[in-house]
PDB file of all heavy atoms in Angstrom:
ATOM      1  N   SER A   1     131.821 117.194  86.788  1.00  0.00           N
ATOM      2  CA  SER A   1     130.856 118.305  86.656  1.00  0.00           C
ATOM      3  C   SER A   1     130.530 118.758  88.082  1.00  0.00           C
ATOM      4  O   SER A   1     130.515 117.959  89.050  1.00  0.00           O
ATOM      5  CB  SER A   1     129.547 117.749  85.984  1.00  0.00           C
ATOM      6  OG  SER A   1     128.841 116.905  86.843  1.00  0.00           O
ATOM      7  N   PRO A   2     130.238 120.023  88.203  1.00  0.00           N
ATOM      8  CA  PRO A   2     129.859 120.531  89.504  1.00  0.00           C
ATOM      9  C   PRO A   2     128.636 119.829  90.139  1.00  0.00           C
ATOM     10  O   PRO A   2     128.686 119.622  91.361  1.00  0.00           O
ATOM     11  CB  PRO A   2     129.605 121.979  89.268  1.00  0.00           C
ATOM     12  CG  PRO A   2     130.423 122.391  88.002  1.00  0.00           C
ATOM     13  CD  PRO A   2     130.312 121.093  87.233  1.00  0.00           C
ATOM     14  N   SER A   3     127.724 119.506  89.324  1.00  0.00           N
ATOM     15  CA  SER A   3     126.527 118.725  89.872  1.00  0.00           C
ATOM     16  C   SER A   3     126.962 117.392  90.455  1.00  0.00           C
ATOM     17  O   SER A   3     126.405 116.914  91.347  1.00  0.00           O
ATOM     18  CB  SER A   3     125.441 118.654  88.817  1.00  0.00           C
ATOM     19  OG  SER A   3     125.867 117.920  87.740  1.00  0.00           O
ATOM     20  N   HIS A   4     127.842 116.709  89.688  1.00  0.00           N
ATOM     21  CA  HIS A   4     128.284 115.322  90.256  1.00  0.00           C
ATOM     22  C   HIS A   4     129.066 115.558  91.550  1.00  0.00           C
ATOM     23  O   HIS A   4     128.868 114.804  92.453  1.00  0.00           O
ATOM     24  CB  HIS A   4     129.108 114.675  89.178  1.00  0.00           C
ATOM     25  CG  HIS A   4     129.505 113.312  89.573  1.00  0.00           C
ATOM     26  ND1 HIS A   4     128.585 112.324  89.843  1.00  0.00           N
ATOM     27  CD2 HIS A   4     130.738 112.701  89.721  1.00  0.00           C
ATOM     28  CE1 HIS A   4     129.232 111.202  90.107  1.00  0.00           C
ATOM     29  NE2 HIS A   4     130.523 111.385  90.079  1.00  0.00           N
ATOM     30  N   LEU A   5     129.860 116.513  91.636  1.00  0.00           N
ATOM     31  CA  LEU A   5     130.665 116.804  92.845  1.00  0.00           C
ATOM     32  C   LEU A   5     129.650 117.085  93.997  1.00  0.00           C
ATOM     33  O   LEU A   5     129.788 116.710  95.116  1.00  0.00           O
ATOM     34  CB  LEU A   5     131.668 117.913  92.786  1.00  0.00           C
ATOM     35  CG  LEU A   5     132.403 118.271  94.007  1.00  0.00           C
ATOM     36  CD1 LEU A   5     133.133 117.017  94.544  1.00  0.00           C
ATOM     37  CD2 LEU A   5     133.338 119.444  93.787  1.00  0.00           C
ATOM     38  N   SER A   6     128.620 117.928  93.655  1.00  0.00           N
ATOM     39  CA  SER A   6     127.564 118.196  94.640  1.00  0.00           C
ATOM     40  C   SER A   6     126.880 116.934  95.229  1.00  0.00           C
ATOM     41  O   SER A   6     126.690 116.767  96.377  1.00  0.00           O
ATOM     42  CB  SER A   6     126.548 119.157  94.108  1.00  0.00           C
ATOM     43  OG  SER A   6     125.554 119.409  94.988  1.00  0.00           O
ATOM     44  N   ASN A   7     126.600 116.045  94.297  1.00  0.00           N
ATOM     45  CA  ASN A   7     125.975 114.749  94.636  1.00  0.00           C
ATOM     46  C   ASN A   7     126.937 113.872  95.505  1.00  0.00           C
ATOM     47  O   ASN A   7     126.519 113.117  96.443  1.00  0.00           O
ATOM     48  CB  ASN A   7     125.630 113.975  93.371  1.00  0.00           C
ATOM     49  CG  ASN A   7     124.315 114.593  92.759  1.00  0.00           C
ATOM     50  OD1 ASN A   7     123.550 115.257  93.379  1.00  0.00           O
ATOM     51  ND2 ASN A   7     124.243 114.349  91.419  1.00  0.00           N
ATOM     52  N   ILE A   8     128.274 113.942  95.214  1.00  0.00           N
ATOM     53  CA  ILE A   8     129.278 113.234  96.009  1.00  0.00           C
ATOM     54  C   ILE A   8     129.263 113.849  97.428  1.00  0.00           C
ATOM     55  O   ILE A   8     129.208 113.100  98.392  1.00  0.00           O
ATOM     56  CB  ILE A   8     130.635 113.330  95.307  1.00  0.00           C
ATOM     57  CG1 ILE A   8     130.685 112.470  94.051  1.00  0.00           C
ATOM     58  CG2 ILE A   8     131.682 112.863  96.330  1.00  0.00           C
ATOM     59  CD1 ILE A   8     131.926 112.651  93.238  1.00  0.00           C
ATOM     60  N   GLU A   9     129.288 115.155  97.484  1.00  0.00           N
ATOM     61  CA  GLU A   9     129.357 115.766  98.803  1.00  0.00           C
ATOM     62  C   GLU A   9     128.103 115.522  99.656  1.00  0.00           C
ATOM     63  O   GLU A   9     128.157 115.522 100.884  1.00  0.00           O
ATOM     64  CB  GLU A   9     129.568 117.285  98.672  1.00  0.00           C
ATOM     65  CG  GLU A   9     131.023 117.704  98.316  1.00  0.00           C
ATOM     66  CD  GLU A   9     131.308 119.147  98.268  1.00  0.00           C
ATOM     67  OE1 GLU A   9     130.341 119.922  98.519  1.00  0.00           O
ATOM     68  OE2 GLU A   9     132.451 119.522  98.011  1.00  0.00           O
ATOM     69  N   THR A  10     126.956 115.311  99.006  1.00  0.00           N
ATOM     70  CA  THR A  10     125.793 115.052  99.789  1.00  0.00           C
ATOM     71  C   THR A  10     125.550 113.614 100.077  1.00  0.00           C
ATOM     72  O   THR A  10     124.615 113.137 100.737  1.00  0.00           O
ATOM     73  CB  THR A  10     124.560 115.623  99.118  1.00  0.00           C
ATOM     74  OG1 THR A  10     124.403 115.095  97.796  1.00  0.00           O
ATOM     75  CG2 THR A  10     124.602 117.225  99.024  1.00  0.00           C
ATOM     76  N   GLY A  11     126.399 112.786  99.412  1.00  0.00           N
ATOM     77  CA  GLY A  11     126.285 111.317  99.595  1.00  0.00           C
ATOM     78  C   GLY A  11     125.113 110.738  98.774  1.00  0.00           C
ATOM     79  O   GLY A  11     124.773 109.608  99.093  1.00  0.00           O
ATOM     80  N   THR A  12     124.574 111.444  97.807  1.00  0.00           N
ATOM     81  CA  THR A  12     123.462 110.839  97.041  1.00  0.00           C
ATOM     82  C   THR A  12     123.956 110.074  95.818  1.00  0.00           C
ATOM     83  O   THR A  12     123.134 109.462  95.174  1.00  0.00           O
ATOM     84  CB  THR A  12     122.596 112.013  96.479  1.00  0.00           C
ATOM     85  OG1 THR A  12     123.360 112.911  95.739  1.00  0.00           O
ATOM     86  CG2 THR A  12     121.900 112.696  97.731  1.00  0.00           C
ATOM     87  N   THR A  13     125.289 110.042  95.617  1.00  0.00           N
ATOM     88  CA  THR A  13     125.824 109.166  94.564  1.00  0.00           C
ATOM     89  C   THR A  13     127.032 108.436  95.140  1.00  0.00           C
ATOM     90  O   THR A  13     127.761 108.943  95.959  1.00  0.00           O
ATOM     91  CB  THR A  13     126.191 109.976  93.248  1.00  0.00           C
ATOM     92  OG1 THR A  13     126.455 109.094  92.238  1.00  0.00           O
ATOM     93  CG2 THR A  13     127.235 110.998  93.502  1.00  0.00           C
ATOM     94  N   LYS A  14     127.337 107.352  94.525  1.00  0.00           N
ATOM     95  CA  LYS A  14     128.510 106.594  94.908  1.00  0.00           C
ATOM     96  C   LYS A  14     129.791 107.193  94.200  1.00  0.00           C
ATOM     97  O   LYS A  14     129.640 107.741  93.166  1.00  0.00           O
ATOM     98  CB  LYS A  14     128.445 105.109  94.508  1.00  0.00           C
ATOM     99  CG  LYS A  14     127.387 104.340  95.306  1.00  0.00           C
ATOM    100  CD  LYS A  14     127.380 102.912  94.946  1.00  0.00           C
ATOM    101  CE  LYS A  14     126.320 102.202  95.768  1.00  0.00           C
ATOM    102  NZ  LYS A  14     126.263 100.760  95.503  1.00  0.00           N
ATOM    103  N   VAL A  15     130.879 107.125  94.820  1.00  0.00           N
ATOM    104  CA  VAL A  15     132.151 107.684  94.250  1.00  0.00           C
ATOM    105  C   VAL A  15     133.138 106.610  94.070  1.00  0.00           C
ATOM    106  O   VAL A  15     133.260 105.747  94.899  1.00  0.00           O
ATOM    107  CB  VAL A  15     132.690 108.868  95.165  1.00  0.00           C
ATOM    108  CG1 VAL A  15     132.891 108.377  96.551  1.00  0.00           C
ATOM    109  CG2 VAL A  15     133.782 109.563  94.595  1.00  0.00           C
ATOM    110  N   SER A  16     133.756 106.588  92.957  1.00  0.00           N
ATOM    111  CA  SER A  16     134.822 105.547  92.663  1.00  0.00           C
ATOM    112  C   SER A  16     136.072 105.826  93.398  1.00  0.00           C
ATOM    113  O   SER A  16     136.353 106.888  93.819  1.00  0.00           O
ATOM    114  CB  SER A  16     135.047 105.505  91.098  1.00  0.00           C
ATOM    115  OG  SER A  16     135.752 106.683  90.761  1.00  0.00           O
ATOM    116  N   LEU A  17     136.798 104.749  93.461  1.00  0.00           N
ATOM    117  CA  LEU A  17     138.098 104.773  94.220  1.00  0.00           C
ATOM    118  C   LEU A  17     138.988 105.790  93.472  1.00  0.00           C
ATOM    119  O   LEU A  17     139.728 106.602  94.091  1.00  0.00           O
ATOM    120  CB  LEU A  17     138.748 103.435  94.263  1.00  0.00           C
ATOM    121  CG  LEU A  17     140.122 103.333  94.981  1.00  0.00           C
ATOM    122  CD1 LEU A  17     140.079 103.920  96.343  1.00  0.00           C
ATOM    123  CD2 LEU A  17     140.657 101.933  94.958  1.00  0.00           C
ATOM    124  N   SER A  18     139.008 105.785  92.134  1.00  0.00           N
ATOM    125  CA  SER A  18     139.891 106.695  91.397  1.00  0.00           C
ATOM    126  C   SER A  18     139.484 108.136  91.563  1.00  0.00           C
ATOM    127  O   SER A  18     140.324 108.984  91.688  1.00  0.00           O
ATOM    128  CB  SER A  18     139.878 106.386  89.846  1.00  0.00           C
ATOM    129  OG  SER A  18     138.534 106.468  89.354  1.00  0.00           O
ATOM    130  N   THR A  19     138.222 108.402  91.789  1.00  0.00           N
ATOM    131  CA  THR A  19     137.752 109.744  92.054  1.00  0.00           C
ATOM    132  C   THR A  19     138.116 110.176  93.489  1.00  0.00           C
ATOM    133  O   THR A  19     138.530 111.325  93.735  1.00  0.00           O
ATOM    134  CB  THR A  19     136.237 109.849  91.810  1.00  0.00           C
ATOM    135  OG1 THR A  19     135.900 109.551  90.402  1.00  0.00           O
ATOM    136  CG2 THR A  19     135.705 111.284  92.118  1.00  0.00           C
ATOM    137  N   ILE A  20     138.071 109.289  94.426  1.00  0.00           N
ATOM    138  CA  ILE A  20     138.388 109.516  95.806  1.00  0.00           C
ATOM    139  C   ILE A  20     139.937 109.950  95.808  1.00  0.00           C
ATOM    140  O   ILE A  20     140.305 110.891  96.500  1.00  0.00           O
ATOM    141  CB  ILE A  20     138.114 108.363  96.710  1.00  0.00           C
ATOM    142  CG1 ILE A  20     136.595 108.290  96.908  1.00  0.00           C
ATOM    143  CG2 ILE A  20     138.841 108.580  98.045  1.00  0.00           C
ATOM    144  CD1 ILE A  20     136.116 106.898  97.628  1.00  0.00           C
ATOM    145  N   VAL A  21     140.757 109.223  95.038  1.00  0.00           N
ATOM    146  CA  VAL A  21     142.170 109.523  95.004  1.00  0.00           C
ATOM    147  C   VAL A  21     142.404 110.901  94.372  1.00  0.00           C
ATOM    148  O   VAL A  21     143.085 111.762  94.932  1.00  0.00           O
ATOM    149  CB  VAL A  21     142.930 108.406  94.241  1.00  0.00           C
ATOM    150  CG1 VAL A  21     144.381 108.864  93.957  1.00  0.00           C
ATOM    151  CG2 VAL A  21     142.847 107.123  95.007  1.00  0.00           C
ATOM    152  N   LYS A  22     141.635 111.159  93.322  1.00  0.00           N
ATOM    153  CA  LYS A  22     141.763 112.533  92.675  1.00  0.00           C
ATOM    154  C   LYS A  22     141.380 113.654  93.637  1.00  0.00           C
ATOM    155  O   LYS A  22     142.030 114.582  93.768  1.00  0.00           O
ATOM    156  CB  LYS A  22     140.976 112.578  91.426  1.00  0.00           C
ATOM    157  CG  LYS A  22     141.508 111.789  90.329  1.00  0.00           C
ATOM    158  CD  LYS A  22     140.531 111.894  89.147  1.00  0.00           C
ATOM    159  CE  LYS A  22     140.826 110.945  87.962  1.00  0.00           C
ATOM    160  NZ  LYS A  22     139.874 111.044  86.908  1.00  0.00           N
ATOM    161  N   LEU A  23     140.305 113.386  94.356  1.00  0.00           N
ATOM    162  CA  LEU A  23     139.749 114.430  95.308  1.00  0.00           C
ATOM    163  C   LEU A  23     140.729 114.623  96.409  1.00  0.00           C
ATOM    164  O   LEU A  23     141.061 115.760  96.876  1.00  0.00           O
ATOM    165  CB  LEU A  23     138.378 114.010  95.801  1.00  0.00           C
ATOM    166  CG  LEU A  23     137.216 114.164  94.822  1.00  0.00           C
ATOM    167  CD1 LEU A  23     135.986 113.408  95.222  1.00  0.00           C
ATOM    168  CD2 LEU A  23     136.908 115.672  94.537  1.00  0.00           C
ATOM    169  N   ALA A  24     141.263 113.520  96.989  1.00  0.00           N
ATOM    170  CA  ALA A  24     142.292 113.591  98.075  1.00  0.00           C
ATOM    171  C   ALA A  24     143.467 114.438  97.669  1.00  0.00           C
ATOM    172  O   ALA A  24     143.925 115.222  98.377  1.00  0.00           O
ATOM    173  CB  ALA A  24     142.634 112.166  98.527  1.00  0.00           C
ATOM    174  N   ASN A  25     144.000 114.100  96.522  1.00  0.00           N
ATOM    175  CA  ASN A  25     145.196 114.881  95.981  1.00  0.00           C
ATOM    176  C   ASN A  25     144.867 116.324  95.811  1.00  0.00           C
ATOM    177  O   ASN A  25     145.605 117.179  96.184  1.00  0.00           O
ATOM    178  CB  ASN A  25     145.643 114.233  94.673  1.00  0.00           C
ATOM    179  CG  ASN A  25     146.383 112.902  94.896  1.00  0.00           C
ATOM    180  OD1 ASN A  25     146.953 112.640  95.955  1.00  0.00           O
ATOM    181  ND2 ASN A  25     146.237 112.010  93.893  1.00  0.00           N
ATOM    182  N   ALA A  26     143.667 116.615  95.210  1.00  0.00           N
ATOM    183  CA  ALA A  26     143.281 118.058  94.959  1.00  0.00           C
ATOM    184  C   ALA A  26     143.067 118.782  96.298  1.00  0.00           C
ATOM    185  O   ALA A  26     143.305 119.973  96.344  1.00  0.00           O
ATOM    186  CB  ALA A  26     142.092 118.056  94.056  1.00  0.00           C
ATOM    187  N   LEU A  27     142.628 118.100  97.323  1.00  0.00           N
ATOM    188  CA  LEU A  27     142.311 118.730  98.584  1.00  0.00           C
ATOM    189  C   LEU A  27     143.542 118.651  99.551  1.00  0.00           C
ATOM    190  O   LEU A  27     143.411 119.140 100.720  1.00  0.00           O
ATOM    191  CB  LEU A  27     141.103 118.019  99.248  1.00  0.00           C
ATOM    192  CG  LEU A  27     139.817 118.257  98.442  1.00  0.00           C
ATOM    193  CD1 LEU A  27     138.801 117.243  98.966  1.00  0.00           C
ATOM    194  CD2 LEU A  27     139.348 119.689  98.498  1.00  0.00           C
ATOM    195  N   HIS A  28     144.569 118.003  99.110  1.00  0.00           N
ATOM    196  CA  HIS A  28     145.820 117.846 100.001  1.00  0.00           C
ATOM    197  C   HIS A  28     145.487 117.158 101.317  1.00  0.00           C
ATOM    198  O   HIS A  28     145.875 117.489 102.357  1.00  0.00           O
ATOM    199  CB  HIS A  28     146.419 119.231 100.231  1.00  0.00           C
ATOM    200  CG  HIS A  28     146.671 120.004  99.042  1.00  0.00           C
ATOM    201  ND1 HIS A  28     147.646 119.677  98.074  1.00  0.00           N
ATOM    202  CD2 HIS A  28     146.029 121.156  98.566  1.00  0.00           C
ATOM    203  CE1 HIS A  28     147.576 120.577  97.065  1.00  0.00           C
ATOM    204  NE2 HIS A  28     146.665 121.465  97.358  1.00  0.00           N
ATOM    205  N   VAL A  29     144.679 116.021 101.166  1.00  0.00           N
ATOM    206  CA  VAL A  29     144.395 115.262 102.358  1.00  0.00           C
ATOM    207  C   VAL A  29     144.656 113.748 101.992  1.00  0.00           C
ATOM    208  O   VAL A  29     144.816 113.476 100.812  1.00  0.00           O
ATOM    209  CB  VAL A  29     142.923 115.357 102.788  1.00  0.00           C
ATOM    210  CG1 VAL A  29     142.612 116.763 103.229  1.00  0.00           C
ATOM    211  CG2 VAL A  29     141.985 114.909 101.694  1.00  0.00           C
ATOM    212  N   SER A  30     144.726 112.907 102.925  1.00  0.00           N
ATOM    213  CA  SER A  30     144.980 111.511 102.660  1.00  0.00           C
ATOM    214  C   SER A  30     143.654 110.838 102.321  1.00  0.00           C
ATOM    215  O   SER A  30     142.596 111.277 102.769  1.00  0.00           O
ATOM    216  CB  SER A  30     145.634 110.853 103.819  1.00  0.00           C
ATOM    217  OG  SER A  30     144.700 110.838 105.004  1.00  0.00           O
ATOM    218  N   VAL A  31     143.696 109.805 101.539  1.00  0.00           N
ATOM    219  CA  VAL A  31     142.516 108.980 101.186  1.00  0.00           C
ATOM    220  C   VAL A  31     141.874 108.425 102.566  1.00  0.00           C
ATOM    221  O   VAL A  31     140.687 108.488 102.649  1.00  0.00           O
ATOM    222  CB  VAL A  31     142.890 107.909 100.236  1.00  0.00           C
ATOM    223  CG1 VAL A  31     141.708 106.889 100.129  1.00  0.00           C
ATOM    224  CG2 VAL A  31     143.290 108.453  98.953  1.00  0.00           C
ATOM    225  N   ASP A  32     142.727 107.955 103.456  1.00  0.00           N
ATOM    226  CA  ASP A  32     142.165 107.427 104.652  1.00  0.00           C
ATOM    227  C   ASP A  32     141.414 108.481 105.470  1.00  0.00           C
ATOM    228  O   ASP A  32     140.446 108.189 106.175  1.00  0.00           O
ATOM    229  CB  ASP A  32     143.269 106.768 105.477  1.00  0.00           C
ATOM    230  CG  ASP A  32     144.352 107.577 106.025  1.00  0.00           C
ATOM    231  OD1 ASP A  32     144.639 108.622 105.308  1.00  0.00           O
ATOM    232  OD2 ASP A  32     144.905 107.293 107.069  1.00  0.00           O
ATOM    233  N   SER A  33     141.749 109.734 105.376  1.00  0.00           N
ATOM    234  CA  SER A  33     140.993 110.778 106.138  1.00  0.00           C
ATOM    235  C   SER A  33     139.594 110.919 105.461  1.00  0.00           C
ATOM    236  O   SER A  33     138.642 111.197 106.200  1.00  0.00           O
ATOM    237  CB  SER A  33     141.751 112.083 106.052  1.00  0.00           C
ATOM    238  OG  SER A  33     141.716 112.648 104.803  1.00  0.00           O
ATOM    239  N   LEU A  34     139.476 110.707 104.175  1.00  0.00           N
ATOM    240  CA  LEU A  34     138.132 110.711 103.547  1.00  0.00           C
ATOM    241  C   LEU A  34     137.331 109.416 103.860  1.00  0.00           C
ATOM    242  O   LEU A  34     136.125 109.571 103.933  1.00  0.00           O
ATOM    243  CB  LEU A  34     138.296 110.913 102.019  1.00  0.00           C
ATOM    244  CG  LEU A  34     139.005 112.188 101.539  1.00  0.00           C
ATOM    245  CD1 LEU A  34     139.075 112.254 100.073  1.00  0.00           C
ATOM    246  CD2 LEU A  34     138.253 113.455 102.052  1.00  0.00           C
ATOM    247  N   LEU A  35     138.016 108.339 103.987  1.00  0.00           N
ATOM    248  CA  LEU A  35     137.264 107.055 104.226  1.00  0.00           C
ATOM    249  C   LEU A  35     137.156 106.659 105.652  1.00  0.00           C
ATOM    250  O   LEU A  35     136.585 105.611 105.896  1.00  0.00           O
ATOM    251  CB  LEU A  35     138.028 105.994 103.420  1.00  0.00           C
ATOM    252  CG  LEU A  35     138.069 106.100 101.929  1.00  0.00           C
ATOM    253  CD1 LEU A  35     138.910 104.963 101.294  1.00  0.00           C
ATOM    254  CD2 LEU A  35     136.758 106.092 101.245  1.00  0.00           C
ATOM    255  N   ALA A  36     137.588 107.467 106.587  1.00  0.00           N
ATOM    256  CA  ALA A  36     137.689 107.185 107.960  1.00  0.00           C
ATOM    257  C   ALA A  36     136.470 106.566 108.622  1.00  0.00           C
ATOM    258  O   ALA A  36     136.464 105.618 109.456  1.00  0.00           O
ATOM    259  CB  ALA A  36     138.184 108.317 108.811  1.00  0.00           C
ATOM    260  N   ASP A  37     135.319 107.017 108.233  1.00  0.00           N
ATOM    261  CA  ASP A  37     133.977 106.608 108.783  1.00  0.00           C
ATOM    262  C   ASP A  37     133.564 105.260 108.247  1.00  0.00           C
ATOM    263  O   ASP A  37     132.658 104.603 108.754  1.00  0.00           O
ATOM    264  CB  ASP A  37     132.933 107.632 108.559  1.00  0.00           C
ATOM    265  CG  ASP A  37     133.277 108.933 109.175  1.00  0.00           C
ATOM    266  OD1 ASP A  37     133.453 108.993 110.418  1.00  0.00           O
ATOM    267  OD2 ASP A  37     133.387 109.972 108.478  1.00  0.00           O
ATOM    268  N   SER A  38     134.267 104.771 107.171  1.00  0.00           N
ATOM    269  CA  SER A  38     133.868 103.465 106.602  1.00  0.00           C
ATOM    270  C   SER A  38     134.966 102.423 106.872  1.00  0.00           C
ATOM    271  O   SER A  38     134.804 101.293 106.517  1.00  0.00           O
ATOM    272  CB  SER A  38     133.712 103.654 105.059  1.00  0.00           C
ATOM    273  OG  SER A  38     132.702 104.518 104.740  1.00  0.00           O
ATOM    274  N   VAL A  39     136.086 102.761 107.644  1.00  0.00           N
ATOM    275  CA  VAL A  39     137.094 101.909 107.879  1.00  0.00           C
ATOM    276  C   VAL A  39     137.190 101.701 109.331  1.00  0.00           C
ATOM    277  O   VAL A  39     137.187 102.613 110.137  1.00  0.00           O
ATOM    278  CB  VAL A  39     138.399 102.443 107.311  1.00  0.00           C
ATOM    279  CG1 VAL A  39     139.579 101.506 107.663  1.00  0.00           C
ATOM    280  CG2 VAL A  39     138.340 102.750 105.880  1.00  0.00           C
ATOM    281  N   VAL A  40     137.309 100.353 109.822  1.00  0.00           N
ATOM    282  CA  VAL A  40     137.361 100.082 111.251  1.00  0.00           C
ATOM    283  C   VAL A  40     138.589 100.648 111.877  1.00  0.00           C
ATOM    284  O   VAL A  40     138.600 101.285 112.989  1.00  0.00           O
ATOM    285  CB  VAL A  40     137.152  98.618 111.459  1.00  0.00           C
ATOM    286  CG1 VAL A  40     137.401  98.213 112.910  1.00  0.00           C
ATOM    287  CG2 VAL A  40     135.912  98.044 110.905  1.00  0.00           C
TER     288      VAL A  40
END
């Protein structure tokens, strides 16, 4: 839902790994680029 995506973008809700993968694919970016700030 657009409201759930908005909550993901603001960091007010947790996002599942499967959703991160779907988002990365839809955005043509790598998963590691989305997770970079959480990975050493």
